[in-house]
């Protein structure tokens, strides 16, 4: 079995030590080096190139963003950002993610050593997923923070939210629900920018940390013909509008008469994510039924598979992104495995499926 070679680049000796120790416990991972800054890292990489790089953002001599861009230009390699996310540093971290990082792990300023030890399982899973990512698809995107948590089902949110309304047999409005994670922001950009101004209302869960979804939505709004914005509680789902669930909160679809709106709620992570695709999809199944289209796209893990199956069982059309165009064929693969996907499409075919929903 191929051992995944990992290089750690962080100016904190504590972080380097704790990360190296956590990864050393897994026989499938070999830490080939731990460098205090990118200049030392590049010297080491000339002798042996890693399969995955764990990278801090703010470092001496060369910042992590410059280093990341250099790697992506010369030899695209999966990079896991391990950074302290603060309001002040969120823009810097977003730049790093947009430059092509595979994933991001948030590390706190207080209790860092304990946090990294508690997150070791998630870190190992992320590194293994990164090592098997589709290298050709390592292009600018943003993905979720990793926050260790129990794996709850969507019942933890749906039962606590206001009572669900059942889907009407038929409405004139159609709802498109999209769920995605690793590699999803680039995939969403390709889909949403290809949509005409007149298209069904769209609700989206992209695994992403707090403070990033607003900026991500604003960027897409500038690029797209449709309107894109971060969802607010009670927002109507309207044709030509895409609502993105805010990072750190769940989004549910609700119905008032024949009109759809979203509800933004707090609650524990579901399938280890907040927002969770399963929470959105299961609420869409209950409220929209066959009036909906469910789409599950690139991402690791299984969030969304159960909800998409529920959507299919309620009569919705369900689509999964194909393996060839996914950065990580995890979420769609699990949905296919459970029988939740009616049709598999390449990334380039998804916008057409959305635009044709009202025809």
Protein backbone atom coordinates (compact mmCIF):
# COMPACT_ATOMS: atom_id res chain seq x y z
CA UNK A 1 0.00 0.00 0.00
CA UNK A 2 1.29 3.45 -0.94
CA UNK A 3 2.20 5.55 2.10
CA UNK A 4 0.97 9.14 1.91
CA UNK A 5 3.95 11.49 2.25
CA UNK A 6 3.05 14.63 4.19
CA UNK A 7 5.02 17.85 4.66
CA UNK A 8 4.07 20.21 7.50
CA UNK A 9 4.81 23.92 7.06
CA UNK A 10 4.07 26.04 10.13
CA UNK A 11 6.13 28.60 12.06
CA UNK A 12 4.85 27.24 15.40
CA UNK A 13 7.07 24.55 16.85
CA UNK A 14 4.13 23.33 18.96
CA UNK A 15 1.91 22.90 15.90
CA UNK A 16 4.64 21.09 13.99
CA UNK A 17 5.28 18.76 16.91
CA UNK A 18 1.63 17.98 17.66
CA UNK A 19 0.67 17.50 14.00
CA UNK A 20 3.65 15.23 13.34
CA UNK A 21 2.83 13.14 16.42
CA UNK A 22 -0.85 12.85 15.47
CA UNK A 23 -0.05 11.75 11.92
CA UNK A 24 2.68 9.34 13.02
CA UNK A 25 0.04 7.12 14.64
CA UNK A 26 -1.45 6.25 11.25
CA UNK A 27 0.51 3.59 9.31
CA UNK A 28 -0.77 4.94 6.00
CA UNK A 29 0.85 8.35 6.53
CA UNK A 30 4.52 9.30 6.64
CA UNK A 31 5.59 12.79 7.71
CA UNK A 32 8.60 13.47 5.53
CA UNK A 33 9.36 16.83 7.09
CA UNK A 34 8.21 19.74 9.23
CA UNK A 35 9.44 23.18 8.14
CA UNK A 36 9.14 26.50 9.93
CA UNK A 37 8.57 28.51 6.75
CA UNK A 38 8.02 28.03 2.98
CA UNK A 39 11.65 28.79 2.09
CA UNK A 40 12.87 25.83 4.16
CA UNK A 41 9.95 23.78 2.79
CA UNK A 42 10.95 24.40 -0.82
CA UNK A 43 14.49 23.22 -0.10
CA UNK A 44 13.12 20.01 1.39
CA UNK A 45 10.67 19.52 -1.49
CA UNK A 46 13.48 19.59 -4.03
CA UNK A 47 14.75 16.36 -2.51
CA UNK A 48 11.36 14.70 -1.99
CA UNK A 49 7.99 15.98 -3.17
CA UNK A 50 5.09 15.36 -0.75
CA UNK A 51 1.69 13.93 -1.64
CA UNK A 52 -0.03 16.41 0.70
CA UNK A 53 1.11 19.65 2.33
CA UNK A 54 -0.28 20.92 5.64
CA UNK A 55 0.22 24.67 5.52
CA UNK A 56 -0.16 27.68 7.80
CA UNK A 57 -1.00 31.06 6.25
CA UNK A 58 0.88 33.68 8.25
CA UNK A 59 4.61 32.86 8.34
CA UNK A 60 7.97 34.65 8.13
CA UNK A 61 10.02 35.14 4.94
CA UNK A 62 7.21 33.98 2.64
CA UNK A 63 3.52 33.98 3.44
CA UNK A 64 1.43 30.88 2.89
CA UNK A 65 -0.64 32.41 0.08
CA UNK A 66 2.43 33.16 -2.04
CA UNK A 67 3.77 29.68 -1.37
CA UNK A 68 0.43 28.09 -2.25
CA UNK A 69 0.19 29.99 -5.54
CA UNK A 70 3.74 28.95 -6.38
CA UNK A 71 2.93 25.28 -5.76
CA UNK A 72 -0.26 25.41 -7.83
CA UNK A 73 1.54 27.09 -10.71
CA UNK A 74 4.52 24.73 -10.73
CA UNK A 75 3.14 21.38 -9.58
CA UNK A 76 -0.46 21.23 -8.32
CA UNK A 77 -0.44 19.37 -5.02
CA UNK A 78 -3.21 18.94 -2.42
CA UNK A 79 -2.74 21.52 0.33
CA UNK A 80 -4.60 21.44 3.64
CA UNK A 81 -4.63 24.86 5.28
CA UNK A 82 -4.21 24.77 9.05
CA UNK A 83 -4.84 28.32 10.19
CA UNK A 84 -6.31 30.43 12.96
CA UNK A 85 -9.49 31.92 11.55
CA UNK A 86 -10.30 35.28 13.08
CA UNK A 87 -12.44 38.05 11.74
CA UNK A 88 -9.29 40.00 10.97
CA UNK A 89 -7.62 37.10 9.19
CA UNK A 90 -10.66 35.71 7.39
CA UNK A 91 -9.93 37.64 4.19
CA UNK A 92 -6.34 36.38 4.17
CA UNK A 93 -7.46 32.81 4.68
CA UNK A 94 -10.08 33.14 1.95
CA UNK A 95 -7.37 34.29 -0.45
CA UNK A 96 -5.40 31.16 0.36
CA UNK A 97 -8.41 28.95 -0.23
CA UNK A 98 -9.23 30.69 -3.49
CA UNK A 99 -5.66 30.01 -4.61
CA UNK A 100 -6.42 26.30 -4.66
CA UNK A 101 -6.23 24.79 -1.18
CA UNK A 102 -7.92 21.41 -0.83
CA UNK A 103 -9.40 21.96 2.62
CA UNK A 104 -9.10 24.01 5.77
CA UNK A 105 -8.74 23.14 9.42
CA UNK A 106 -9.50 25.92 11.87
CA UNK A 107 -7.20 26.08 14.84
CA UNK A 108 -8.00 28.23 17.89
CA UNK A 109 -5.56 30.60 19.56
CA UNK A 110 -6.35 29.10 22.97
CA UNK A 111 -6.14 25.38 23.71
CA UNK A 112 -4.34 24.73 20.43
CA UNK A 113 -2.51 21.56 21.48
CA UNK A 114 -5.65 19.91 22.86
CA UNK A 115 -7.67 20.95 19.80
CA UNK A 116 -5.18 19.40 17.36
CA UNK A 117 -5.07 16.20 19.39
CA UNK A 118 -8.87 16.02 19.48
CA UNK A 119 -9.03 16.70 15.72
CA UNK A 120 -6.47 14.08 14.74
CA UNK A 121 -9.04 11.67 13.27
CA UNK A 122 -10.54 14.41 11.12
CA UNK A 123 -7.08 15.55 10.07
CA UNK A 124 -6.09 12.03 9.02
CA UNK A 125 -9.34 11.61 7.06
CA UNK A 126 -8.80 14.94 5.31
CA UNK A 127 -5.21 14.12 4.37
CA UNK A 128 -6.23 10.73 2.99
CA UNK A 129 -9.02 12.33 0.95
CA UNK A 130 -6.61 15.00 -0.29
CA UNK A 131 -4.08 12.38 -1.37
CA UNK A 132 -6.72 10.69 -3.52
CA UNK A 133 -8.21 13.89 -4.94
CA UNK A 134 -8.48 14.41 -8.68
CA UNK A 135 -5.27 16.42 -9.19
CA UNK A 136 -6.54 17.82 -12.50
CA UNK A 137 -9.35 19.50 -10.60
CA UNK A 138 -7.12 21.27 -8.07
CA UNK A 139 -8.30 24.74 -9.03
CA UNK A 140 -9.29 27.76 -6.91
CA UNK A 141 -12.11 27.01 -4.49
CA UNK A 142 -13.12 27.24 -0.83
CA UNK A 143 -14.15 24.37 1.40
CA UNK A 144 -15.32 23.84 4.89
CA UNK A 145 -13.53 24.04 8.16
CA UNK A 146 -13.09 20.76 9.99
CA UNK A 147 -14.72 20.79 13.39
CA UNK A 148 -14.75 17.50 15.29
CA UNK A 149 -18.29 16.60 16.35
CA UNK A 150 -20.59 13.64 16.85
CA UNK A 151 -22.27 12.37 13.69
CA UNK A 152 -25.93 13.29 14.10
CA UNK A 153 -28.74 12.79 11.61
CA UNK A 154 -30.96 15.58 10.30
CA UNK A 155 -33.59 14.59 12.90
CA UNK A 156 -31.52 16.62 15.38
CA UNK A 157 -32.54 19.78 13.50
CA UNK A 158 -35.81 18.92 11.81
CA UNK A 159 -37.45 17.78 15.04
CA UNK A 160 -36.33 20.94 16.80
CA UNK A 161 -37.42 23.28 14.02
CA UNK A 162 -40.97 24.44 13.47
CA UNK A 163 -43.38 21.76 12.33
CA UNK A 164 -42.91 20.63 8.76
CA UNK A 165 -45.56 21.23 6.12
CA UNK A 166 -46.14 18.47 3.63
CA UNK A 167 -45.51 19.04 -0.05
CA UNK A 168 -48.37 20.13 -2.25
CA UNK A 169 -49.08 17.70 -5.04
CA UNK A 170 -48.25 20.36 -7.61
CA UNK A 171 -47.14 23.99 -7.58
CA UNK A 172 -46.07 26.30 -10.36
CA UNK A 173 -42.83 27.12 -8.56
CA UNK A 174 -39.93 24.71 -8.75
CA UNK A 175 -37.11 24.50 -6.21
CA UNK A 176 -33.56 23.39 -6.92
CA UNK A 177 -31.57 22.16 -3.90
CA UNK A 178 -27.80 21.76 -4.28
CA UNK A 179 -25.38 20.23 -1.79
CA UNK A 180 -21.61 20.21 -2.13
CA UNK A 181 -18.35 20.29 -0.17
CA UNK A 182 -14.71 19.83 -1.19
CA UNK A 183 -14.21 21.38 -4.62
CA UNK A 184 -17.72 22.76 -4.52
CA UNK A 185 -17.11 26.47 -4.80
CA UNK A 186 -15.39 26.10 -8.15
CA UNK A 187 -18.09 23.66 -9.27
CA UNK A 188 -20.85 26.01 -8.12
CA UNK A 189 -19.26 28.88 -9.99
CA UNK A 190 -19.26 26.87 -13.22
CA UNK A 191 -22.90 25.87 -12.75
CA UNK A 192 -24.35 29.18 -11.59
CA UNK A 193 -22.52 31.35 -14.14
CA UNK A 194 -23.99 29.18 -16.92
CA UNK A 195 -27.60 29.77 -15.82
CA UNK A 196 -29.87 32.24 -17.60
CA UNK A 197 -31.47 35.06 -15.66
CA UNK A 198 -34.80 33.23 -15.69
CA UNK A 199 -34.42 29.91 -13.90
CA UNK A 200 -35.99 28.16 -10.89
CA UNK A 201 -35.20 29.33 -7.38
CA UNK A 202 -32.12 27.65 -5.91
CA UNK A 203 -31.13 26.81 -2.33
CA UNK A 204 -27.54 25.75 -1.69
CA UNK A 205 -25.52 24.22 1.11
CA UNK A 206 -21.77 24.50 0.53
CA UNK A 207 -19.71 23.29 3.47
CA UNK A 208 -17.91 26.46 4.48
CA UNK A 209 -16.88 28.22 7.69
CA UNK A 210 -18.59 31.24 9.16
CA UNK A 211 -17.65 34.60 7.67
CA UNK A 212 -16.88 33.07 4.27
CA UNK A 213 -20.33 32.41 2.83
CA UNK A 214 -21.23 36.10 2.56
CA UNK A 215 -18.07 36.91 0.63
CA UNK A 216 -18.47 33.80 -1.53
CA UNK A 217 -22.07 34.68 -2.38
CA UNK A 218 -21.13 38.28 -3.21
CA UNK A 219 -18.40 37.09 -5.54
CA UNK A 220 -20.81 34.77 -7.36
CA UNK A 221 -23.40 37.55 -7.57
CA UNK A 222 -20.86 39.67 -9.47
CA UNK A 223 -20.18 36.84 -11.92
CA UNK A 224 -23.68 35.47 -12.54
CA UNK A 225 -26.73 36.61 -14.47
CA UNK A 226 -28.91 35.35 -11.61
CA UNK A 227 -28.89 36.98 -8.17
CA UNK A 228 -26.81 35.14 -5.56
CA UNK A 229 -26.74 36.01 -1.87
CA UNK A 230 -26.21 34.57 1.57
CA UNK A 231 -29.57 33.40 2.87
CA UNK A 232 -31.37 35.28 5.64
CA UNK A 233 -34.18 33.90 7.74
CA UNK A 234 -37.55 34.00 5.93
CA UNK A 235 -36.04 34.84 2.52
CA UNK A 236 -38.42 33.88 -0.30
CA UNK A 237 -37.19 31.32 -2.80
CA UNK A 238 -37.75 33.09 -6.11
CA UNK A 239 -36.96 32.41 -9.77
CA UNK A 240 -33.57 33.82 -10.73
CA UNK A 241 -32.31 33.79 -7.14
CA UNK A 242 -29.80 31.45 -5.46
CA UNK A 243 -29.64 31.44 -1.65
CA UNK A 244 -26.50 30.06 0.01
CA UNK A 245 -26.79 28.75 3.57
CA UNK A 246 -24.73 30.88 5.99
CA UNK A 247 -21.68 29.18 7.45
CA UNK A 248 -22.22 27.87 10.96
CA UNK A 249 -26.04 27.64 10.69
CA UNK A 250 -28.49 25.21 9.12
CA UNK A 251 -30.93 26.13 6.32
CA UNK A 252 -34.34 24.51 5.85
CA UNK A 253 -36.97 24.95 3.18
CA UNK A 254 -40.44 25.93 4.38
CA UNK A 255 -43.72 26.49 2.54
CA UNK A 256 -46.45 29.05 3.13
CA UNK A 257 -49.34 28.21 0.86
CA UNK A 258 -47.77 27.75 -2.58
CA UNK A 259 -44.76 29.93 -1.74
CA UNK A 260 -41.41 28.67 -0.53
CA UNK A 261 -39.06 30.40 1.88
CA UNK A 262 -36.02 29.42 3.93
CA UNK A 263 -35.58 29.15 7.66
CA UNK A 264 -32.11 29.68 9.17
CA UNK A 265 -31.66 27.86 12.46
CA UNK A 266 -28.99 27.08 15.02
CA UNK A 267 -28.29 23.56 16.15
CA UNK A 268 -25.59 20.90 16.40
CA UNK A 269 -23.60 19.75 13.37
CA UNK A 270 -25.41 17.08 11.32
CA UNK A 271 -23.29 14.48 9.54
CA UNK A 272 -20.47 16.50 11.18
CA UNK A 273 -21.43 19.65 9.25
CA UNK A 274 -23.21 22.92 9.92
CA UNK A 275 -24.77 23.80 7.53
CA UNK A 276 -25.69 20.25 6.56
CA UNK A 277 -26.84 19.10 3.14
CA UNK A 278 -29.00 16.41 4.76
CA UNK A 279 -30.92 19.03 6.74
CA UNK A 280 -31.67 21.02 3.59
CA UNK A 281 -32.51 18.02 1.41
CA UNK A 282 -34.84 16.41 3.96
CA UNK A 283 -36.71 19.68 4.44
CA UNK A 284 -37.03 20.02 0.66
CA UNK A 285 -38.38 16.47 0.45
CA UNK A 286 -41.06 17.31 3.03
CA UNK A 287 -42.05 20.72 1.68
CA UNK A 288 -41.52 20.53 -2.07
CA UNK A 289 -41.66 16.82 -2.94
CA UNK A 290 -41.88 16.26 -6.69
CA UNK A 291 -41.73 20.02 -7.29
CA UNK A 292 -38.02 19.89 -6.49
CA UNK A 293 -34.73 18.97 -8.14
CA UNK A 294 -31.96 17.70 -5.86
CA UNK A 295 -28.32 17.86 -6.94
CA UNK A 296 -25.39 16.41 -5.01
CA UNK A 297 -21.93 17.46 -6.12
CA UNK A 298 -18.24 17.03 -5.34
CA UNK A 299 -17.27 16.52 -1.70
CA UNK A 300 -15.92 14.00 0.78
CA UNK A 301 -18.09 12.11 3.23
CA UNK A 302 -21.75 11.17 3.01
CA UNK A 303 -23.63 14.34 3.97
CA UNK A 304 -26.67 14.66 1.71
CA UNK A 305 -27.01 11.01 0.66
CA UNK A 306 -29.85 10.24 3.11
CA UNK A 307 -31.64 13.48 2.32
CA UNK A 308 -31.36 12.98 -1.44
CA UNK A 309 -32.85 9.51 -1.11
CA UNK A 310 -35.76 11.01 0.80
CA UNK A 311 -36.21 13.56 -1.99
CA UNK A 312 -36.27 10.77 -4.57
CA UNK A 313 -38.79 8.81 -2.55
CA UNK A 314 -41.03 11.89 -2.48
CA UNK A 315 -40.96 12.12 -6.28
CA UNK A 316 -38.19 14.67 -6.85
CA UNK A 317 -35.74 14.37 -9.72
CA UNK A 318 -32.27 13.71 -8.30
CA UNK A 319 -28.89 14.25 -9.95
CA UNK A 320 -25.37 13.29 -8.92
CA UNK A 321 -22.18 14.80 -10.36
CA UNK A 322 -20.09 12.18 -12.14
CA UNK A 323 -16.77 10.88 -10.85
CA UNK A 324 -14.68 12.29 -13.71
CA UNK A 325 -15.56 15.91 -12.96
CA UNK A 326 -15.51 15.72 -9.14
CA UNK A 327 -12.52 16.85 -7.10
CA UNK A 328 -13.58 14.22 -4.56
CA UNK A 329 -16.17 11.61 -5.57
CA UNK A 330 -17.39 11.01 -2.04
CA UNK A 331 -20.83 12.53 -1.48
CA UNK A 332 -22.20 11.64 -4.95
CA UNK A 333 -20.72 8.14 -4.71
CA UNK A 334 -22.50 7.51 -1.40
CA UNK A 335 -25.77 8.86 -2.81
CA UNK A 336 -25.49 6.54 -5.82
CA UNK A 337 -24.66 3.63 -3.50
CA UNK A 338 -27.88 4.25 -1.54
CA UNK A 339 -30.03 4.48 -4.66
CA UNK A 340 -30.69 8.20 -4.22
CA UNK A 341 -29.48 9.33 -7.68
CA UNK A 342 -31.76 9.04 -10.70
CA UNK A 343 -29.37 10.61 -13.18
CA UNK A 344 -25.58 11.09 -13.17
CA UNK A 345 -24.28 14.11 -15.09
CA UNK A 346 -20.89 15.72 -15.71
CA UNK A 347 -20.43 19.15 -14.16
CA UNK A 348 -21.00 20.81 -17.53
CA UNK A 349 -24.47 19.26 -17.86
CA UNK A 350 -25.91 20.37 -14.52
CA UNK A 351 -26.80 23.96 -15.49
CA UNK A 352 -28.83 22.67 -18.44
CA UNK A 353 -30.77 20.35 -16.15
CA UNK A 354 -31.60 23.27 -13.86
CA UNK A 355 -32.57 25.63 -16.67
CA UNK A 356 -34.81 22.97 -18.23
CA UNK A 357 -36.77 22.28 -15.05
CA UNK A 358 -39.62 24.68 -15.89
CA UNK A 359 -39.99 23.56 -19.48
